[in-house]
Amino acid sequence: MTKEFVNKTYVSKYLEQAQSTDNEEKKKDALYRVGTHLEVIPCTGNTDLSLLEQQRVIQAATEALGVRTHGSRN
C-alpha cells in the first residue's frame, strides 16, 4: 500500500490496542486489521497470526506511521 493511502489514525488506533492488551485474541485481531489495511498480510479472515506475521505487521505499521525503531536508518 502506498503511503498516501494509509489511514494513519486507523493504523495508530489498532496498533496501540494491540500493544496495550494482555489478551492474545484481541492483540491478534487488532494486528490483523492493521496488517490487512497495510496489505502486508492477506485478507483471509484468519486472525490467528503467527509470531512472524505479527512482527511483520508491527514493523510495517511503525514505518507507515513514521516511527523510528531501534536500528532504523531514517
PDB file of N, CA and C in Angstrom:
ATOM      1  N   MET A   1       0.853  -1.174   0.000  1.00  0.00           N
ATOM      2  CA  MET A   1       0.000   0.000   0.000  1.00  0.00           C
ATOM      3  C   MET A   1       0.895   1.233   0.000  1.00  0.00           C
ATOM      4  N   THR A   2       0.587   2.163  -0.851  1.00  0.00           N
ATOM      5  CA  THR A   2       1.388   3.372  -0.884  1.00  0.00           C
ATOM      6  C   THR A   2       1.029   4.269   0.287  1.00  0.00           C
ATOM      7  N   LYS A   3       1.979   5.048   0.722  1.00  0.00           N
ATOM      8  CA  LYS A   3       1.804   5.862   1.924  1.00  0.00           C
ATOM      9  C   LYS A   3       0.631   6.834   1.827  1.00  0.00           C
ATOM     10  N   GLU A   4       0.330   7.332   0.625  1.00  0.00           N
ATOM     11  CA  GLU A   4      -0.752   8.302   0.528  1.00  0.00           C
ATOM     12  C   GLU A   4      -2.121   7.687   0.796  1.00  0.00           C
ATOM     13  N   PHE A   5      -2.216   6.365   0.809  1.00  0.00           N
ATOM     14  CA  PHE A   5      -3.487   5.705   1.066  1.00  0.00           C
ATOM     15  C   PHE A   5      -3.569   5.098   2.465  1.00  0.00           C
ATOM     16  N   VAL A   6      -2.581   5.303   3.288  1.00  0.00           N
ATOM     17  CA  VAL A   6      -2.569   4.761   4.640  1.00  0.00           C
ATOM     18  C   VAL A   6      -3.372   5.681   5.556  1.00  0.00           C
ATOM     19  N   ASN A   7      -4.354   5.108   6.227  1.00  0.00           N
ATOM     20  CA  ASN A   7      -5.129   5.848   7.219  1.00  0.00           C
ATOM     21  C   ASN A   7      -4.361   5.733   8.530  1.00  0.00           C
ATOM     22  N   LYS A   8      -3.563   6.743   8.818  1.00  0.00           N
ATOM     23  CA  LYS A   8      -2.681   6.686   9.987  1.00  0.00           C
ATOM     24  C   LYS A   8      -3.458   6.642  11.296  1.00  0.00           C
ATOM     25  N   THR A   9      -4.621   7.249  11.334  1.00  0.00           N
ATOM     26  CA  THR A   9      -5.449   7.201  12.543  1.00  0.00           C
ATOM     27  C   THR A   9      -5.886   5.768  12.814  1.00  0.00           C
ATOM     28  N   TYR A  10      -6.313   5.080  11.778  1.00  0.00           N
ATOM     29  CA  TYR A  10      -6.746   3.680  11.886  1.00  0.00           C
ATOM     30  C   TYR A  10      -5.584   2.801  12.333  1.00  0.00           C
ATOM     31  N   VAL A  11      -4.457   2.952  11.668  1.00  0.00           N
ATOM     32  CA  VAL A  11      -3.271   2.151  11.992  1.00  0.00           C
ATOM     33  C   VAL A  11      -2.836   2.403  13.434  1.00  0.00           C
ATOM     34  N   SER A  12      -2.760   3.657  13.810  1.00  0.00           N
ATOM     35  CA  SER A  12      -2.341   4.020  15.159  1.00  0.00           C
ATOM     36  C   SER A  12      -3.290   3.458  16.218  1.00  0.00           C
ATOM     37  N   LYS A  13      -4.580   3.576  15.973  1.00  0.00           N
ATOM     38  CA  LYS A  13      -5.586   3.088  16.923  1.00  0.00           C
ATOM     39  C   LYS A  13      -5.422   1.599  17.189  1.00  0.00           C
ATOM     40  N   TYR A  14      -5.336   0.809  16.127  1.00  0.00           N
ATOM     41  CA  TYR A  14      -5.263  -0.638  16.309  1.00  0.00           C
ATOM     42  C   TYR A  14      -3.880  -1.116  16.736  1.00  0.00           C
ATOM     43  N   LEU A  15      -2.838  -0.419  16.347  1.00  0.00           N
ATOM     44  CA  LEU A  15      -1.504  -0.773  16.821  1.00  0.00           C
ATOM     45  C   LEU A  15      -1.423  -0.536  18.325  1.00  0.00           C
ATOM     46  N   GLU A  16      -1.937   0.591  18.776  1.00  0.00           N
ATOM     47  CA  GLU A  16      -1.950   0.890  20.206  1.00  0.00           C
ATOM     48  C   GLU A  16      -2.788  -0.142  20.963  1.00  0.00           C
ATOM     49  N   GLN A  17      -3.919  -0.504  20.383  1.00  0.00           N
ATOM     50  CA  GLN A  17      -4.781  -1.515  21.007  1.00  0.00           C
ATOM     51  C   GLN A  17      -4.036  -2.840  21.146  1.00  0.00           C
ATOM     52  N   ALA A  18      -3.320  -3.232  20.115  1.00  0.00           N
ATOM     53  CA  ALA A  18      -2.574  -4.498  20.144  1.00  0.00           C
ATOM     54  C   ALA A  18      -1.470  -4.466  21.192  1.00  0.00           C
ATOM     55  N   GLN A  19      -0.815  -3.327  21.321  1.00  0.00           N
ATOM     56  CA  GLN A  19       0.318  -3.225  22.231  1.00  0.00           C
ATOM     57  C   GLN A  19      -0.091  -2.999  23.680  1.00  0.00           C
ATOM     58  N   SER A  20      -1.355  -2.668  23.911  1.00  0.00           N
ATOM     59  CA  SER A  20      -1.780  -2.358  25.275  1.00  0.00           C
ATOM     60  C   SER A  20      -2.643  -3.437  25.917  1.00  0.00           C
ATOM     61  N   THR A  21      -2.792  -4.586  25.265  1.00  0.00           N
ATOM     62  CA  THR A  21      -3.628  -5.640  25.825  1.00  0.00           C
ATOM     63  C   THR A  21      -2.802  -6.879  26.156  1.00  0.00           C
ATOM     64  N   ASP A  22      -3.256  -7.589  27.175  1.00  0.00           N
ATOM     65  CA  ASP A  22      -2.657  -8.887  27.511  1.00  0.00           C
ATOM     66  C   ASP A  22      -3.459 -10.030  26.901  1.00  0.00           C
ATOM     67  N   ASN A  23      -4.592  -9.686  26.288  1.00  0.00           N
ATOM     68  CA  ASN A  23      -5.461 -10.684  25.670  1.00  0.00           C
ATOM     69  C   ASN A  23      -4.923 -11.009  24.279  1.00  0.00           C
ATOM     70  N   GLU A  24      -4.420 -12.217  24.111  1.00  0.00           N
ATOM     71  CA  GLU A  24      -3.782 -12.613  22.854  1.00  0.00           C
ATOM     72  C   GLU A  24      -4.754 -12.549  21.668  1.00  0.00           C
ATOM     73  N   GLU A  25      -6.008 -12.917  21.897  1.00  0.00           N
ATOM     74  CA  GLU A  25      -7.007 -12.887  20.823  1.00  0.00           C
ATOM     75  C   GLU A  25      -7.267 -11.451  20.349  1.00  0.00           C
ATOM     76  N   LYS A  26      -7.395 -10.521  21.294  1.00  0.00           N
ATOM     77  CA  LYS A  26      -7.610  -9.112  20.938  1.00  0.00           C
ATOM     78  C   LYS A  26      -6.381  -8.536  20.241  1.00  0.00           C
ATOM     79  N   LYS A  27      -5.200  -8.930  20.696  1.00  0.00           N
ATOM     80  CA  LYS A  27      -3.959  -8.466  20.080  1.00  0.00           C
ATOM     81  C   LYS A  27      -3.894  -8.915  18.622  1.00  0.00           C
ATOM     82  N   LYS A  28      -4.154 -10.189  18.386  1.00  0.00           N
ATOM     83  CA  LYS A  28      -4.086 -10.719  17.026  1.00  0.00           C
ATOM     84  C   LYS A  28      -5.142 -10.089  16.126  1.00  0.00           C
ATOM     85  N   ASP A  29      -6.333  -9.841  16.671  1.00  0.00           N
ATOM     86  CA  ASP A  29      -7.396  -9.208  15.892  1.00  0.00           C
ATOM     87  C   ASP A  29      -6.981  -7.795  15.473  1.00  0.00           C
ATOM     88  N   ALA A  30      -6.428  -7.035  16.411  1.00  0.00           N
ATOM     89  CA  ALA A  30      -6.001  -5.670  16.110  1.00  0.00           C
ATOM     90  C   ALA A  30      -4.868  -5.672  15.073  1.00  0.00           C
ATOM     91  N   LEU A  31      -3.914  -6.583  15.228  1.00  0.00           N
ATOM     92  CA  LEU A  31      -2.809  -6.656  14.262  1.00  0.00           C
ATOM     93  C   LEU A  31      -3.291  -7.129  12.900  1.00  0.00           C
ATOM     94  N   TYR A  32      -4.286  -8.007  12.879  1.00  0.00           N
ATOM     95  CA  TYR A  32      -4.865  -8.451  11.616  1.00  0.00           C
ATOM     96  C   TYR A  32      -5.466  -7.260  10.868  1.00  0.00           C
ATOM     97  N   ARG A  33      -6.200  -6.416  11.605  1.00  0.00           N
ATOM     98  CA  ARG A  33      -6.813  -5.237  10.988  1.00  0.00           C
ATOM     99  C   ARG A  33      -5.750  -4.319  10.386  1.00  0.00           C
ATOM    100  N   VAL A  34      -4.675  -4.083  11.140  1.00  0.00           N
ATOM    101  CA  VAL A  34      -3.585  -3.230  10.653  1.00  0.00           C
ATOM    102  C   VAL A  34      -2.898  -3.887   9.456  1.00  0.00           C
ATOM    103  N   GLY A  35      -2.614  -5.161   9.577  1.00  0.00           N
ATOM    104  CA  GLY A  35      -1.900  -5.866   8.517  1.00  0.00           C
ATOM    105  C   GLY A  35      -2.650  -5.923   7.205  1.00  0.00           C
ATOM    106  N   THR A  36      -3.965  -6.126   7.283  1.00  0.00           N
ATOM    107  CA  THR A  36      -4.737  -6.149   6.040  1.00  0.00           C
ATOM    108  C   THR A  36      -4.882  -4.743   5.472  1.00  0.00           C
ATOM    109  N   HIS A  37      -4.986  -3.743   6.331  1.00  0.00           N
ATOM    110  CA  HIS A  37      -5.061  -2.360   5.855  1.00  0.00           C
ATOM    111  C   HIS A  37      -3.781  -1.972   5.119  1.00  0.00           C
ATOM    112  N   LEU A  38      -2.652  -2.393   5.669  1.00  0.00           N
ATOM    113  CA  LEU A  38      -1.363  -2.073   5.051  1.00  0.00           C
ATOM    114  C   LEU A  38      -0.980  -3.056   3.946  1.00  0.00           C
ATOM    115  N   GLU A  39      -1.808  -4.078   3.778  1.00  0.00           N
ATOM    116  CA  GLU A  39      -1.600  -5.098   2.750  1.00  0.00           C
ATOM    117  C   GLU A  39      -0.288  -5.850   2.908  1.00  0.00           C
ATOM    118  N   VAL A  40       0.085  -6.134   4.165  1.00  0.00           N
ATOM    119  CA  VAL A  40       1.289  -6.932   4.417  1.00  0.00           C
ATOM    120  C   VAL A  40       0.930  -8.372   4.755  1.00  0.00           C
ATOM    121  N   ILE A  41      -0.348  -8.629   5.003  1.00  0.00           N
ATOM    122  CA  ILE A  41      -0.856  -9.989   5.167  1.00  0.00           C
ATOM    123  C   ILE A  41      -2.141 -10.097   4.363  1.00  0.00           C
ATOM    124  N   PRO A  42      -2.482 -11.306   3.911  1.00  0.00           N
ATOM    125  CA  PRO A  42      -3.695 -11.462   3.108  1.00  0.00           C
ATOM    126  C   PRO A  42      -4.964 -11.309   3.946  1.00  0.00           C
ATOM    127  N   CYS A  43      -6.005 -10.833   3.312  1.00  0.00           N
ATOM    128  CA  CYS A  43      -7.302 -10.652   3.959  1.00  0.00           C
ATOM    129  C   CYS A  43      -8.093 -11.953   3.810  1.00  0.00           C
ATOM    130  N   THR A  44      -7.852 -12.886   4.752  1.00  0.00           N
ATOM    131  CA  THR A  44      -8.496 -14.200   4.692  1.00  0.00           C
ATOM    132  C   THR A  44      -9.548 -14.389   5.769  1.00  0.00           C
ATOM    133  N   GLY A  45      -9.588 -13.481   6.725  1.00  0.00           N
ATOM    134  CA  GLY A  45     -10.495 -13.624   7.854  1.00  0.00           C
ATOM    135  C   GLY A  45      -9.874 -14.398   9.000  1.00  0.00           C
ATOM    136  N   ASN A  46      -8.673 -14.926   8.793  1.00  0.00           N
ATOM    137  CA  ASN A  46      -7.977 -15.704   9.814  1.00  0.00           C
ATOM    138  C   ASN A  46      -7.111 -14.763  10.647  1.00  0.00           C
ATOM    139  N   THR A  47      -7.560 -14.476  11.864  1.00  0.00           N
ATOM    140  CA  THR A  47      -6.827 -13.551  12.729  1.00  0.00           C
ATOM    141  C   THR A  47      -5.759 -14.243  13.564  1.00  0.00           C
ATOM    142  N   ASP A  48      -5.601 -15.549  13.402  1.00  0.00           N
ATOM    143  CA  ASP A  48      -4.604 -16.306  14.174  1.00  0.00           C
ATOM    144  C   ASP A  48      -3.234 -16.146  13.523  1.00  0.00           C
ATOM    145  N   LEU A  49      -2.639 -14.970  13.751  1.00  0.00           N
ATOM    146  CA  LEU A  49      -1.370 -14.634  13.120  1.00  0.00           C
ATOM    147  C   LEU A  49      -0.202 -15.310  13.824  1.00  0.00           C
ATOM    148  N   SER A  50       0.741 -15.776  13.028  1.00  0.00           N
ATOM    149  CA  SER A  50       1.967 -16.344  13.592  1.00  0.00           C
ATOM    150  C   SER A  50       2.798 -15.217  14.184  1.00  0.00           C
ATOM    151  N   LEU A  51       3.790 -15.566  14.968  1.00  0.00           N
ATOM    152  CA  LEU A  51       4.681 -14.558  15.554  1.00  0.00           C
ATOM    153  C   LEU A  51       5.382 -13.763  14.451  1.00  0.00           C
ATOM    154  N   LEU A  52       5.799 -14.431  13.395  1.00  0.00           N
ATOM    155  CA  LEU A  52       6.450 -13.752  12.274  1.00  0.00           C
ATOM    156  C   LEU A  52       5.498 -12.759  11.608  1.00  0.00           C
ATOM    157  N   GLU A  53       4.257 -13.158  11.402  1.00  0.00           N
ATOM    158  CA  GLU A  53       3.272 -12.248  10.810  1.00  0.00           C
ATOM    159  C   GLU A  53       3.027 -11.041  11.726  1.00  0.00           C
ATOM    160  N   GLN A  54       2.940 -11.288  13.025  1.00  0.00           N
ATOM    161  CA  GLN A  54       2.742 -10.195  13.976  1.00  0.00           C
ATOM    162  C   GLN A  54       3.898  -9.202  13.900  1.00  0.00           C
ATOM    163  N   GLN A  55       5.113  -9.717  13.859  1.00  0.00           N
ATOM    164  CA  GLN A  55       6.293  -8.856  13.778  1.00  0.00           C
ATOM    165  C   GLN A  55       6.302  -8.060  12.475  1.00  0.00           C
ATOM    166  N   ARG A  56       5.916  -8.703  11.384  1.00  0.00           N
ATOM    167  CA  ARG A  56       5.871  -8.041  10.080  1.00  0.00           C
ATOM    168  C   ARG A  56       4.861  -6.889  10.095  1.00  0.00           C
ATOM    169  N   VAL A  57       3.706  -7.129  10.702  1.00  0.00           N
ATOM    170  CA  VAL A  57       2.671  -6.094  10.780  1.00  0.00           C
ATOM    171  C   VAL A  57       3.149  -4.920  11.638  1.00  0.00           C
ATOM    172  N   ILE A  58       3.732  -5.217  12.788  1.00  0.00           N
ATOM    173  CA  ILE A  58       4.219  -4.156  13.683  1.00  0.00           C
ATOM    174  C   ILE A  58       5.286  -3.325  12.989  1.00  0.00           C
ATOM    175  N   GLN A  59       6.197  -3.964  12.286  1.00  0.00           N
ATOM    176  CA  GLN A  59       7.250  -3.245  11.571  1.00  0.00           C
ATOM    177  C   GLN A  59       6.655  -2.360  10.474  1.00  0.00           C
ATOM    178  N   ALA A  60       5.729  -2.905   9.711  1.00  0.00           N
ATOM    179  CA  ALA A  60       5.104  -2.125   8.640  1.00  0.00           C
ATOM    180  C   ALA A  60       4.319  -0.947   9.209  1.00  0.00           C
ATOM    181  N   ALA A  61       3.638  -1.163  10.320  1.00  0.00           N
ATOM    182  CA  ALA A  61       2.841  -0.103  10.936  1.00  0.00           C
ATOM    183  C   ALA A  61       3.734   1.023  11.456  1.00  0.00           C
ATOM    184  N   THR A  62       4.812   0.668  12.116  1.00  0.00           N
ATOM    185  CA  THR A  62       5.700   1.708  12.643  1.00  0.00           C
ATOM    186  C   THR A  62       6.343   2.493  11.501  1.00  0.00           C
ATOM    187  N   GLU A  63       6.661   1.822  10.409  1.00  0.00           N
ATOM    188  CA  GLU A  63       7.214   2.512   9.243  1.00  0.00           C
ATOM    189  C   GLU A  63       6.164   3.425   8.618  1.00  0.00           C
ATOM    190  N   ALA A  64       4.925   2.952   8.517  1.00  0.00           N
ATOM    191  CA  ALA A  64       3.847   3.747   7.923  1.00  0.00           C
ATOM    192  C   ALA A  64       3.547   4.986   8.763  1.00  0.00           C
ATOM    193  N   LEU A  65       3.709   4.851  10.070  1.00  0.00           N
ATOM    194  CA  LEU A  65       3.451   5.973  10.964  1.00  0.00           C
ATOM    195  C   LEU A  65       4.655   6.895  11.098  1.00  0.00           C
ATOM    196  N   GLY A  66       5.785   6.495  10.514  1.00  0.00           N
ATOM    197  CA  GLY A  66       6.976   7.312  10.572  1.00  0.00           C
ATOM    198  C   GLY A  66       7.681   7.249  11.918  1.00  0.00           C
ATOM    199  N   VAL A  67       7.477   6.152  12.626  1.00  0.00           N
ATOM    200  CA  VAL A  67       8.112   5.976  13.940  1.00  0.00           C
ATOM    201  C   VAL A  67       9.468   5.337  13.741  1.00  0.00           C
ATOM    202  N   ARG A  68      10.483   5.939  14.329  1.00  0.00           N
ATOM    203  CA  ARG A  68      11.830   5.361  14.230  1.00  0.00           C
ATOM    204  C   ARG A  68      11.939   4.225  15.224  1.00  0.00           C
ATOM    205  N   THR A  69      12.470   3.119  14.764  1.00  0.00           N
ATOM    206  CA  THR A  69      12.675   1.972  15.634  1.00  0.00           C
ATOM    207  C   THR A  69      14.155   1.761  15.844  1.00  0.00           C
ATOM    208  N   HIS A  70      14.507   1.006  16.858  1.00  0.00           N
ATOM    209  CA  HIS A  70      15.902   0.710  17.166  1.00  0.00           C
ATOM    210  C   HIS A  70      16.576   0.129  15.918  1.00  0.00           C
ATOM    211  N   GLY A  71      17.649   0.714  15.531  1.00  0.00           N
ATOM    212  CA  GLY A  71      18.405   0.217  14.395  1.00  0.00           C
ATOM    213  C   GLY A  71      17.955   0.792  13.051  1.00  0.00           C
ATOM    214  N   SER A  72      16.917   1.639  13.047  1.00  0.00           N
ATOM    215  CA  SER A  72      16.477   2.206  11.768  1.00  0.00           C
ATOM    216  C   SER A  72      17.454   3.285  11.322  1.00  0.00           C
ATOM    217  N   ARG A  73      17.514   3.493  10.042  1.00  0.00           N
ATOM    218  CA  ARG A  73      18.460   4.469   9.483  1.00  0.00           C
ATOM    219  C   ARG A  73      17.760   5.737   9.034  1.00  0.00           C
ATOM    220  N   ASN A  74      16.492   5.903   9.307  1.00  0.00           N
ATOM    221  CA  ASN A  74      15.745   7.081   8.838  1.00  0.00           C
ATOM    222  C   ASN A  74      16.218   8.338   9.507  1.00  0.00           C
TER     223      ASN A  74
END
